């Protein structure tokens, strides 16, 4: 039986500094965030989601976003992204020198109402001015589509609903659109159905998969997406992040696990896995816990064992 045809290369968008850290209860100093972004840049990521220009009242952890953007060492060829909810956020992102702004909508009406207190149509309308301003200022525009595979309030979300909101984000001029499993309930066949439906209304090469690992399905869902031609994936170093709407959610898929799988599949990412493992160990030490990614912990343990053996048996 022939093996499925998979892409030769993929782009991994690192979302740990924003999507990963935003739910951490402890205040993380800007210097630590800057160091994390710099380590990830040096690892070779083409896109790092580094900041969020939202009200500190709602997301206190992101209050230092301007300081972070001012302090990082920018790597040529890397796009630094920030989430913006409105024109005030856009103006702050523009002033901070952000390369790409991220706007967001939901595929679920119930989630939209509970999360941002408006309908899907109203949420899209709010971003018309932001989208126009981004284009006028030569910035990339990315759309994030949450609850594309299930909603904590309404349950099932249809593939047609995903396609409908994808079209609305497309019409705003989005360069990429993230199809996100916000609560981590998707399974491989479901993922393929939704991705193929979204690809009917938006170029598949500009769709991305954003998977949470709540039920341990994230890597399987990424592989299923590879089989249908998705070549952009979001991941979070050390598995940082979590979903406040799903009890027991373990957050974003760990970048180290994704890179290890891609390496095993012979798919090029342009990213140094060992450097990402080191970055994961660094930020996890700052947070006082082990990284969530299994591959990262295994590689780090192997490296530690090798170093100990060398120390015990000097040449």
C-alpha atoms as a PDB file:
ATOM      1  CA  UNK A   1       0.000   0.000   0.000  1.00  0.00           C
ATOM      2  CA  UNK A   2       1.569   3.348  -1.015  1.00  0.00           C
ATOM      3  CA  UNK A   3       2.354   5.878   1.701  1.00  0.00           C
ATOM      4  CA  UNK A   4       0.440   9.180   1.651  1.00  0.00           C
ATOM      5  CA  UNK A   5       2.144  12.063  -0.119  1.00  0.00           C
ATOM      6  CA  UNK A   6       3.276  14.686   2.383  1.00  0.00           C
ATOM      7  CA  UNK A   7       4.678  18.200   1.907  1.00  0.00           C
ATOM      8  CA  UNK A   8       8.457  18.560   1.593  1.00  0.00           C
ATOM      9  CA  UNK A   9       8.518  21.554   3.921  1.00  0.00           C
ATOM     10  CA  UNK A  10       6.259  23.373   6.375  1.00  0.00           C
ATOM     11  CA  UNK A  11       6.225  26.676   8.224  1.00  0.00           C
ATOM     12  CA  UNK A  12       5.947  26.539  12.000  1.00  0.00           C
ATOM     13  CA  UNK A  13       4.561  29.676  13.646  1.00  0.00           C
ATOM     14  CA  UNK A  14       5.826  29.914  17.226  1.00  0.00           C
ATOM     15  CA  UNK A  15       3.044  31.262  19.464  1.00  0.00           C
ATOM     16  CA  UNK A  16       4.507  30.621  22.917  1.00  0.00           C
ATOM     17  CA  UNK A  17       5.471  34.209  23.789  1.00  0.00           C
ATOM     18  CA  UNK A  18       1.883  35.395  23.237  1.00  0.00           C
ATOM     19  CA  UNK A  19      -0.686  32.618  23.173  1.00  0.00           C
ATOM     20  CA  UNK A  20       1.400  30.510  25.509  1.00  0.00           C
ATOM     21  CA  UNK A  21       2.246  33.043  28.197  1.00  0.00           C
ATOM     22  CA  UNK A  22      -0.944  35.096  28.259  1.00  0.00           C
ATOM     23  CA  UNK A  23      -2.751  32.762  30.671  1.00  0.00           C
ATOM     24  CA  UNK A  24       0.120  32.390  33.139  1.00  0.00           C
ATOM     25  CA  UNK A  25      -1.021  33.637  36.573  1.00  0.00           C
ATOM     26  CA  UNK A  26       2.385  34.885  37.682  1.00  0.00           C
ATOM     27  CA  UNK A  27       3.776  38.123  36.300  1.00  0.00           C
ATOM     28  CA  UNK A  28       6.586  37.365  33.865  1.00  0.00           C
ATOM     29  CA  UNK A  29       9.179  40.153  33.561  1.00  0.00           C
ATOM     30  CA  UNK A  30       9.621  41.758  30.161  1.00  0.00           C
ATOM     31  CA  UNK A  31      13.304  40.756  30.228  1.00  0.00           C
ATOM     32  CA  UNK A  32      12.333  37.085  30.393  1.00  0.00           C
ATOM     33  CA  UNK A  33       9.898  37.477  27.489  1.00  0.00           C
ATOM     34  CA  UNK A  34      12.557  39.276  25.463  1.00  0.00           C
ATOM     35  CA  UNK A  35      15.052  36.492  26.129  1.00  0.00           C
ATOM     36  CA  UNK A  36      12.489  33.883  25.089  1.00  0.00           C
ATOM     37  CA  UNK A  37      11.677  35.661  21.819  1.00  0.00           C
ATOM     38  CA  UNK A  38      15.392  36.091  21.075  1.00  0.00           C
ATOM     39  CA  UNK A  39      16.084  32.407  21.686  1.00  0.00           C
ATOM     40  CA  UNK A  40      13.214  31.439  19.381  1.00  0.00           C
ATOM     41  CA  UNK A  41      14.380  33.862  16.701  1.00  0.00           C
ATOM     42  CA  UNK A  42      17.867  32.391  16.841  1.00  0.00           C
ATOM     43  CA  UNK A  43      16.372  28.899  16.483  1.00  0.00           C
ATOM     44  CA  UNK A  44      15.226  29.871  12.989  1.00  0.00           C
ATOM     45  CA  UNK A  45      11.474  30.537  13.149  1.00  0.00           C
ATOM     46  CA  UNK A  46      10.112  32.521  10.219  1.00  0.00           C
ATOM     47  CA  UNK A  47       7.230  33.784  12.331  1.00  0.00           C
ATOM     48  CA  UNK A  48       7.073  34.442  16.088  1.00  0.00           C
ATOM     49  CA  UNK A  49       3.870  35.623  17.765  1.00  0.00           C
ATOM     50  CA  UNK A  50       5.527  37.922  20.275  1.00  0.00           C
ATOM     51  CA  UNK A  51       2.914  40.273  21.701  1.00  0.00           C
ATOM     52  CA  UNK A  52      -0.700  41.264  22.183  1.00  0.00           C
ATOM     53  CA  UNK A  53      -1.904  44.851  22.246  1.00  0.00           C
ATOM     54  CA  UNK A  54      -5.067  44.342  24.235  1.00  0.00           C
ATOM     55  CA  UNK A  55      -6.261  46.137  27.340  1.00  0.00           C
ATOM     56  CA  UNK A  56      -4.122  45.198  30.391  1.00  0.00           C
ATOM     57  CA  UNK A  57      -7.421  45.029  32.267  1.00  0.00           C
ATOM     58  CA  UNK A  58      -8.346  41.926  30.310  1.00  0.00           C
ATOM     59  CA  UNK A  59      -4.898  40.381  29.743  1.00  0.00           C
ATOM     60  CA  UNK A  60      -2.487  41.747  32.385  1.00  0.00           C
ATOM     61  CA  UNK A  61       0.337  39.474  31.221  1.00  0.00           C
ATOM     62  CA  UNK A  62       0.541  41.311  27.905  1.00  0.00           C
ATOM     63  CA  UNK A  63       0.876  44.782  29.440  1.00  0.00           C
ATOM     64  CA  UNK A  64       4.603  44.799  28.623  1.00  0.00           C
ATOM     65  CA  UNK A  65       4.150  44.094  24.913  1.00  0.00           C
ATOM     66  CA  UNK A  66       5.553  47.444  23.749  1.00  0.00           C
ATOM     67  CA  UNK A  67       8.588  46.965  25.983  1.00  0.00           C
ATOM     68  CA  UNK A  68       9.095  43.465  24.627  1.00  0.00           C
ATOM     69  CA  UNK A  69       8.907  44.591  21.007  1.00  0.00           C
ATOM     70  CA  UNK A  70      11.360  47.414  21.732  1.00  0.00           C
ATOM     71  CA  UNK A  71      13.809  45.071  23.459  1.00  0.00           C
ATOM     72  CA  UNK A  72      14.018  42.066  21.140  1.00  0.00           C
ATOM     73  CA  UNK A  73      16.833  41.498  18.670  1.00  0.00           C
ATOM     74  CA  UNK A  74      15.122  41.193  15.320  1.00  0.00           C
ATOM     75  CA  UNK A  75      16.337  38.414  13.080  1.00  0.00           C
ATOM     76  CA  UNK A  76      16.263  39.215   9.348  1.00  0.00           C
ATOM     77  CA  UNK A  77      13.636  37.068   7.679  1.00  0.00           C
ATOM     78  CA  UNK A  78      11.498  36.629  10.803  1.00  0.00           C
ATOM     79  CA  UNK A  79       8.033  38.179  11.066  1.00  0.00           C
ATOM     80  CA  UNK A  80       7.031  39.305  14.558  1.00  0.00           C
ATOM     81  CA  UNK A  81       3.263  39.160  15.091  1.00  0.00           C
ATOM     82  CA  UNK A  82       0.877  40.701  17.607  1.00  0.00           C
ATOM     83  CA  UNK A  83      -2.798  40.205  18.380  1.00  0.00           C
ATOM     84  CA  UNK A  84      -4.889  43.382  18.096  1.00  0.00           C
ATOM     85  CA  UNK A  85      -8.588  43.709  19.066  1.00  0.00           C
ATOM     86  CA  UNK A  86      -9.303  47.176  17.666  1.00  0.00           C
ATOM     87  CA  UNK A  87      -7.761  50.341  16.180  1.00  0.00           C
ATOM     88  CA  UNK A  88      -6.249  51.374  19.499  1.00  0.00           C
ATOM     89  CA  UNK A  89      -4.432  48.066  19.614  1.00  0.00           C
ATOM     90  CA  UNK A  90      -3.440  48.400  15.968  1.00  0.00           C
ATOM     91  CA  UNK A  91      -1.944  51.839  16.521  1.00  0.00           C
ATOM     92  CA  UNK A  92       0.103  50.496  19.440  1.00  0.00           C
ATOM     93  CA  UNK A  93       1.283  47.572  17.314  1.00  0.00           C
ATOM     94  CA  UNK A  94       2.224  49.897  14.461  1.00  0.00           C
ATOM     95  CA  UNK A  95       4.207  52.120  16.818  1.00  0.00           C
ATOM     96  CA  UNK A  96       5.981  49.040  18.193  1.00  0.00           C
ATOM     97  CA  UNK A  97       7.125  47.968  14.733  1.00  0.00           C
ATOM     98  CA  UNK A  98       5.072  44.786  14.511  1.00  0.00           C
ATOM     99  CA  UNK A  99       5.359  43.013  11.135  1.00  0.00           C
ATOM    100  CA  UNK A 100       2.011  41.218  11.237  1.00  0.00           C
ATOM    101  CA  UNK A 101      -1.215  41.941  13.070  1.00  0.00           C
ATOM    102  CA  UNK A 102      -3.595  39.159  14.053  1.00  0.00           C
ATOM    103  CA  UNK A 103      -7.355  39.688  14.150  1.00  0.00           C
ATOM    104  CA  UNK A 104      -9.755  37.087  15.466  1.00  0.00           C
ATOM    105  CA  UNK A 105     -13.240  35.672  15.059  1.00  0.00           C
ATOM    106  CA  UNK A 106     -15.056  32.512  16.073  1.00  0.00           C
ATOM    107  CA  UNK A 107     -16.814  29.848  14.049  1.00  0.00           C
ATOM    108  CA  UNK A 108     -19.350  29.550  16.872  1.00  0.00           C
ATOM    109  CA  UNK A 109     -21.989  32.210  17.547  1.00  0.00           C
ATOM    110  CA  UNK A 110     -22.247  31.087  21.172  1.00  0.00           C
ATOM    111  CA  UNK A 111     -18.498  31.449  21.694  1.00  0.00           C
ATOM    112  CA  UNK A 112     -18.436  34.854  20.017  1.00  0.00           C
ATOM    113  CA  UNK A 113     -21.190  36.125  22.296  1.00  0.00           C
ATOM    114  CA  UNK A 114     -19.614  34.710  25.468  1.00  0.00           C
ATOM    115  CA  UNK A 115     -16.015  35.597  24.619  1.00  0.00           C
ATOM    116  CA  UNK A 116     -16.259  39.063  23.041  1.00  0.00           C
ATOM    117  CA  UNK A 117     -19.924  39.975  23.662  1.00  0.00           C
ATOM    118  CA  UNK A 118     -20.983  40.323  20.050  1.00  0.00           C
ATOM    119  CA  UNK A 119     -22.102  38.253  17.082  1.00  0.00           C
ATOM    120  CA  UNK A 120     -19.688  36.868  14.492  1.00  0.00           C
ATOM    121  CA  UNK A 121     -20.881  39.468  11.973  1.00  0.00           C
ATOM    122  CA  UNK A 122     -20.322  42.284  14.478  1.00  0.00           C
ATOM    123  CA  UNK A 123     -16.840  40.990  15.302  1.00  0.00           C
ATOM    124  CA  UNK A 124     -15.893  40.961  11.622  1.00  0.00           C
ATOM    125  CA  UNK A 125     -17.263  44.489  11.172  1.00  0.00           C
ATOM    126  CA  UNK A 126     -15.067  45.714  14.030  1.00  0.00           C
ATOM    127  CA  UNK A 127     -11.981  44.635  12.118  1.00  0.00           C
ATOM    128  CA  UNK A 128     -12.736  46.353   8.794  1.00  0.00           C
ATOM    129  CA  UNK A 129     -10.838  49.496   9.812  1.00  0.00           C
ATOM    130  CA  UNK A 130      -7.960  47.474  11.301  1.00  0.00           C
ATOM    131  CA  UNK A 131      -7.621  45.407   8.134  1.00  0.00           C
ATOM    132  CA  UNK A 132      -7.618  48.496   5.948  1.00  0.00           C
ATOM    133  CA  UNK A 133      -5.014  50.206   8.124  1.00  0.00           C
ATOM    134  CA  UNK A 134      -2.778  47.144   8.103  1.00  0.00           C
ATOM    135  CA  UNK A 135      -2.771  47.046   4.316  1.00  0.00           C
ATOM    136  CA  UNK A 136      -2.194  50.781   4.022  1.00  0.00           C
ATOM    137  CA  UNK A 137       0.844  50.458   6.263  1.00  0.00           C
ATOM    138  CA  UNK A 138       2.298  47.466   4.424  1.00  0.00           C
ATOM    139  CA  UNK A 139       1.742  45.028   7.290  1.00  0.00           C
ATOM    140  CA  UNK A 140       0.775  41.397   6.997  1.00  0.00           C
ATOM    141  CA  UNK A 141      -2.724  40.557   8.209  1.00  0.00           C
ATOM    142  CA  UNK A 142      -3.583  37.217   9.749  1.00  0.00           C
ATOM    143  CA  UNK A 143      -6.997  35.962  10.776  1.00  0.00           C
ATOM    144  CA  UNK A 144      -7.480  33.565  13.675  1.00  0.00           C
ATOM    145  CA  UNK A 145     -10.652  31.471  13.577  1.00  0.00           C
ATOM    146  CA  UNK A 146     -11.363  29.948  16.985  1.00  0.00           C
ATOM    147  CA  UNK A 147     -13.643  27.029  17.869  1.00  0.00           C
ATOM    148  CA  UNK A 148     -13.421  25.627  14.353  1.00  0.00           C
ATOM    149  CA  UNK A 149     -13.880  22.034  15.559  1.00  0.00           C
ATOM    150  CA  UNK A 150     -16.086  22.419  18.604  1.00  0.00           C
ATOM    151  CA  UNK A 151     -17.412  24.962  21.085  1.00  0.00           C
ATOM    152  CA  UNK A 152     -17.602  24.742  24.895  1.00  0.00           C
ATOM    153  CA  UNK A 153     -21.055  26.361  24.783  1.00  0.00           C
ATOM    154  CA  UNK A 154     -22.845  25.070  21.703  1.00  0.00           C
ATOM    155  CA  UNK A 155     -20.936  21.842  21.104  1.00  0.00           C
ATOM    156  CA  UNK A 156     -20.723  20.908  17.424  1.00  0.00           C
ATOM    157  CA  UNK A 157     -19.467  23.437  14.892  1.00  0.00           C
ATOM    158  CA  UNK A 158     -20.140  22.570  11.259  1.00  0.00           C
ATOM    159  CA  UNK A 159     -17.582  22.690   8.454  1.00  0.00           C
ATOM    160  CA  UNK A 160     -19.933  25.039   6.599  1.00  0.00           C
ATOM    161  CA  UNK A 161     -19.834  27.466   9.534  1.00  0.00           C
ATOM    162  CA  UNK A 162     -16.030  27.393   9.385  1.00  0.00           C
ATOM    163  CA  UNK A 163     -16.077  28.037   5.645  1.00  0.00           C
ATOM    164  CA  UNK A 164     -18.502  30.938   6.070  1.00  0.00           C
ATOM    165  CA  UNK A 165     -16.302  32.800   8.578  1.00  0.00           C
ATOM    166  CA  UNK A 166     -13.190  31.906   6.568  1.00  0.00           C
ATOM    167  CA  UNK A 167     -14.748  33.719   3.603  1.00  0.00           C
ATOM    168  CA  UNK A 168     -15.447  36.764   5.755  1.00  0.00           C
ATOM    169  CA  UNK A 169     -11.837  36.868   6.960  1.00  0.00           C
ATOM    170  CA  UNK A 170     -10.685  36.358   3.375  1.00  0.00           C
ATOM    171  CA  UNK A 171     -12.731  39.333   2.263  1.00  0.00           C
ATOM    172  CA  UNK A 172     -10.988  41.503   4.870  1.00  0.00           C
ATOM    173  CA  UNK A 173      -7.736  40.751   3.047  1.00  0.00           C
ATOM    174  CA  UNK A 174      -6.138  38.228   5.398  1.00  0.00           C
ATOM    175  CA  UNK A 175      -2.831  36.856   4.135  1.00  0.00           C
ATOM    176  CA  UNK A 176      -3.205  33.725   6.270  1.00  0.00           C
ATOM    177  CA  UNK A 177      -6.109  32.236   8.213  1.00  0.00           C
ATOM    178  CA  UNK A 178      -5.630  30.015  11.258  1.00  0.00           C
ATOM    179  CA  UNK A 179      -8.134  27.209  11.708  1.00  0.00           C
ATOM    180  CA  UNK A 180      -7.997  26.667  15.468  1.00  0.00           C
ATOM    181  CA  UNK A 181      -9.081  23.821  17.705  1.00  0.00           C
ATOM    182  CA  UNK A 182      -9.473  26.111  20.706  1.00  0.00           C
ATOM    183  CA  UNK A 183     -10.623  23.441  23.148  1.00  0.00           C
ATOM    184  CA  UNK A 184      -8.712  20.523  21.665  1.00  0.00           C
ATOM    185  CA  UNK A 185     -11.650  18.263  20.802  1.00  0.00           C
ATOM    186  CA  UNK A 186     -10.839  17.528  17.145  1.00  0.00           C
ATOM    187  CA  UNK A 187      -9.899  14.118  15.772  1.00  0.00           C
ATOM    188  CA  UNK A 188      -8.095  13.383  12.475  1.00  0.00           C
ATOM    189  CA  UNK A 189     -10.995  12.664  10.101  1.00  0.00           C
ATOM    190  CA  UNK A 190     -12.914  15.643  11.428  1.00  0.00           C
ATOM    191  CA  UNK A 191      -9.843  17.821  10.904  1.00  0.00           C
ATOM    192  CA  UNK A 192      -9.498  16.703   7.303  1.00  0.00           C
ATOM    193  CA  UNK A 193     -13.168  17.429   6.590  1.00  0.00           C
ATOM    194  CA  UNK A 194     -12.965  20.941   8.025  1.00  0.00           C
ATOM    195  CA  UNK A 195      -9.630  21.781   6.383  1.00  0.00           C
ATOM    196  CA  UNK A 196     -10.806  20.601   2.982  1.00  0.00           C
ATOM    197  CA  UNK A 197     -14.005  22.628   3.321  1.00  0.00           C
ATOM    198  CA  UNK A 198     -12.042  25.762   4.305  1.00  0.00           C
ATOM    199  CA  UNK A 199      -9.718  25.179   1.343  1.00  0.00           C
ATOM    200  CA  UNK A 200     -12.713  25.492  -0.984  1.00  0.00           C
ATOM    201  CA  UNK A 201     -12.968  29.193  -0.112  1.00  0.00           C
ATOM    202  CA  UNK A 202      -9.352  30.153   0.708  1.00  0.00           C
ATOM    203  CA  UNK A 203      -6.011  29.026  -0.780  1.00  0.00           C
ATOM    204  CA  UNK A 204      -4.877  25.920   1.073  1.00  0.00           C
ATOM    205  CA  UNK A 205      -1.249  27.083   1.095  1.00  0.00           C
ATOM    206  CA  UNK A 206      -2.308  30.039   3.251  1.00  0.00           C
ATOM    207  CA  UNK A 207      -4.423  28.079   5.739  1.00  0.00           C
ATOM    208  CA  UNK A 208      -2.806  27.069   9.018  1.00  0.00           C
ATOM    209  CA  UNK A 209      -3.594  24.514  11.695  1.00  0.00           C
ATOM    210  CA  UNK A 210      -3.656  25.612  15.333  1.00  0.00           C
ATOM    211  CA  UNK A 211      -4.208  22.599  17.561  1.00  0.00           C
ATOM    212  CA  UNK A 212      -4.547  22.234  21.308  1.00  0.00           C
ATOM    213  CA  UNK A 213      -3.661  18.951  22.943  1.00  0.00           C
ATOM    214  CA  UNK A 214      -6.477  18.696  25.497  1.00  0.00           C
ATOM    215  CA  UNK A 215      -7.376  15.135  24.467  1.00  0.00           C
ATOM    216  CA  UNK A 216      -3.918  14.157  23.229  1.00  0.00           C
ATOM    217  CA  UNK A 217      -4.893  14.440  19.562  1.00  0.00           C
ATOM    218  CA  UNK A 218      -2.796  17.408  18.401  1.00  0.00           C
ATOM    219  CA  UNK A 219       0.027  15.509  16.650  1.00  0.00           C
ATOM    220  CA  UNK A 220      -2.437  13.126  15.021  1.00  0.00           C
ATOM    221  CA  UNK A 221      -4.451  16.116  13.827  1.00  0.00           C
ATOM    222  CA  UNK A 222      -1.339  17.757  12.401  1.00  0.00           C
ATOM    223  CA  UNK A 223      -0.481  14.571  10.516  1.00  0.00           C
ATOM    224  CA  UNK A 224      -4.040  14.400   9.187  1.00  0.00           C
ATOM    225  CA  UNK A 225      -3.699  18.010   8.028  1.00  0.00           C
ATOM    226  CA  UNK A 226      -0.414  17.210   6.284  1.00  0.00           C
ATOM    227  CA  UNK A 227      -2.210  14.483   4.337  1.00  0.00           C
ATOM    228  CA  UNK A 228      -4.656  17.025   2.871  1.00  0.00           C
ATOM    229  CA  UNK A 229      -1.998  19.631   2.067  1.00  0.00           C
ATOM    230  CA  UNK A 230      -1.825  22.043   5.034  1.00  0.00           C
ATOM    231  CA  UNK A 231       1.732  23.390   5.306  1.00  0.00           C
ATOM    232  CA  UNK A 232       1.520  25.988   8.111  1.00  0.00           C
ATOM    233  CA  UNK A 233       1.217  25.023  11.780  1.00  0.00           C
ATOM    234  CA  UNK A 234       1.153  26.855  15.077  1.00  0.00           C
ATOM    235  CA  UNK A 235       2.954  25.468  18.097  1.00  0.00           C
ATOM    236  CA  UNK A 236       4.044  26.701  21.499  1.00  0.00           C
ATOM    237  CA  UNK A 237       7.494  26.101  22.968  1.00  0.00           C
ATOM    238  CA  UNK A 238       7.335  23.783  26.000  1.00  0.00           C
ATOM    239  CA  UNK A 239       3.598  23.364  25.376  1.00  0.00           C
ATOM    240  CA  UNK A 240       2.911  26.732  27.005  1.00  0.00           C
ATOM    241  CA  UNK A 241      -0.678  27.848  27.219  1.00  0.00           C
ATOM    242  CA  UNK A 242      -4.061  26.449  28.027  1.00  0.00           C
ATOM    243  CA  UNK A 243      -7.713  26.977  27.324  1.00  0.00           C
ATOM    244  CA  UNK A 244      -9.704  28.543  30.187  1.00  0.00           C
ATOM    245  CA  UNK A 245     -12.915  27.140  28.690  1.00  0.00           C
ATOM    246  CA  UNK A 246     -12.037  23.438  28.898  1.00  0.00           C
ATOM    247  CA  UNK A 247     -11.376  21.817  32.249  1.00  0.00           C
ATOM    248  CA  UNK A 248      -8.141  19.845  32.131  1.00  0.00           C
ATOM    249  CA  UNK A 249      -6.963  21.450  28.889  1.00  0.00           C
ATOM    250  CA  UNK A 250      -3.232  21.010  28.420  1.00  0.00           C
ATOM    251  CA  UNK A 251      -2.862  23.872  26.012  1.00  0.00           C
ATOM    252  CA  UNK A 252      -1.078  24.283  22.733  1.00  0.00           C
ATOM    253  CA  UNK A 253       0.797  21.451  21.102  1.00  0.00           C
ATOM    254  CA  UNK A 254       4.471  21.625  22.110  1.00  0.00           C
ATOM    255  CA  UNK A 255       6.766  22.960  19.400  1.00  0.00           C
ATOM    256  CA  UNK A 256       9.422  20.403  20.328  1.00  0.00           C
ATOM    257  CA  UNK A 257       6.974  17.536  19.693  1.00  0.00           C
ATOM    258  CA  UNK A 258       5.936  18.976  16.329  1.00  0.00           C
ATOM    259  CA  UNK A 259       9.537  19.501  15.213  1.00  0.00           C
ATOM    260  CA  UNK A 260      10.521  15.982  16.283  1.00  0.00           C
ATOM    261  CA  UNK A 261       7.652  14.525  14.251  1.00  0.00           C
ATOM    262  CA  UNK A 262       8.510  16.646  11.205  1.00  0.00           C
ATOM    263  CA  UNK A 263      12.137  15.579  11.472  1.00  0.00           C
ATOM    264  CA  UNK A 264      11.068  11.943  11.536  1.00  0.00           C
ATOM    265  CA  UNK A 265       8.871  12.462   8.489  1.00  0.00           C
ATOM    266  CA  UNK A 266      11.704  14.084   6.567  1.00  0.00           C
ATOM    267  CA  UNK A 267       9.811  17.374   6.335  1.00  0.00           C
ATOM    268  CA  UNK A 268      11.985  20.488   6.349  1.00  0.00           C
ATOM    269  CA  UNK A 269      11.195  23.264   8.854  1.00  0.00           C
ATOM    270  CA  UNK A 270      14.392  25.340   8.874  1.00  0.00           C
ATOM    271  CA  UNK A 271      14.334  25.278  12.679  1.00  0.00           C
ATOM    272  CA  UNK A 272      17.002  24.015  15.082  1.00  0.00           C
ATOM    273  CA  UNK A 273      15.231  21.508  17.341  1.00  0.00           C
ATOM    274  CA  UNK A 274      17.981  21.517  19.981  1.00  0.00           C
ATOM    275  CA  UNK A 275      17.795  25.306  20.246  1.00  0.00           C
ATOM    276  CA  UNK A 276      14.024  25.096  20.749  1.00  0.00           C
ATOM    277  CA  UNK A 277      14.507  22.445  23.447  1.00  0.00           C
ATOM    278  CA  UNK A 278      16.887  24.826  25.211  1.00  0.00           C
ATOM    279  CA  UNK A 279      14.362  27.666  24.913  1.00  0.00           C
ATOM    280  CA  UNK A 280      11.674  25.410  26.368  1.00  0.00           C
ATOM    281  CA  UNK A 281      13.884  24.472  29.286  1.00  0.00           C
ATOM    282  CA  UNK A 282      14.689  28.145  29.860  1.00  0.00           C
ATOM    283  CA  UNK A 283      11.114  29.421  30.021  1.00  0.00           C
ATOM    284  CA  UNK A 284       9.926  26.425  32.029  1.00  0.00           C
ATOM    285  CA  UNK A 285      12.642  27.068  34.625  1.00  0.00           C
ATOM    286  CA  UNK A 286      11.386  30.658  34.862  1.00  0.00           C
ATOM    287  CA  UNK A 287       7.869  29.339  35.459  1.00  0.00           C
ATOM    288  CA  UNK A 288       9.031  26.743  37.973  1.00  0.00           C
ATOM    289  CA  UNK A 289       7.817  23.618  36.185  1.00  0.00           C
ATOM    290  CA  UNK A 290       8.800  21.052  33.582  1.00  0.00           C
ATOM    291  CA  UNK A 291       7.954  21.620  29.915  1.00  0.00           C
ATOM    292  CA  UNK A 292       4.787  19.885  28.712  1.00  0.00           C
ATOM    293  CA  UNK A 293       6.376  18.566  25.516  1.00  0.00           C
ATOM    294  CA  UNK A 294       7.493  14.944  25.682  1.00  0.00           C
ATOM    295  CA  UNK A 295      10.088  15.145  22.922  1.00  0.00           C
ATOM    296  CA  UNK A 296      11.679  18.199  24.493  1.00  0.00           C
ATOM    297  CA  UNK A 297      11.972  16.555  27.882  1.00  0.00           C
ATOM    298  CA  UNK A 298      13.389  13.371  26.365  1.00  0.00           C
ATOM    299  CA  UNK A 299      16.008  15.274  24.367  1.00  0.00           C
ATOM    300  CA  UNK A 300      16.930  17.415  27.375  1.00  0.00           C
ATOM    301  CA  UNK A 301      17.279  14.326  29.583  1.00  0.00           C
ATOM    302  CA  UNK A 302      19.446  12.586  26.988  1.00  0.00           C
ATOM    303  CA  UNK A 303      21.665  15.652  26.748  1.00  0.00           C
ATOM    304  CA  UNK A 304      21.995  15.840  30.529  1.00  0.00           C
ATOM    305  CA  UNK A 305      22.892  12.146  30.732  1.00  0.00           C
ATOM    306  CA  UNK A 306      25.510  12.520  28.028  1.00  0.00           C
ATOM    307  CA  UNK A 307      27.050  15.516  29.791  1.00  0.00           C
ATOM    308  CA  UNK A 308      27.158  13.618  33.086  1.00  0.00           C
ATOM    309  CA  UNK A 309      28.837  10.624  31.431  1.00  0.00           C
ATOM    310  CA  UNK A 310      31.472  12.888  29.870  1.00  0.00           C
ATOM    311  CA  UNK A 311      32.141  14.504  33.234  1.00  0.00           C
ATOM    312  CA  UNK A 312      32.573  11.114  34.893  1.00  0.00           C
ATOM    313  CA  UNK A 313      34.817   9.772  32.127  1.00  0.00           C
ATOM    314  CA  UNK A 314      37.081  12.615  30.972  1.00  0.00           C
ATOM    315  CA  UNK A 315      39.229  11.871  27.953  1.00  0.00           C
END
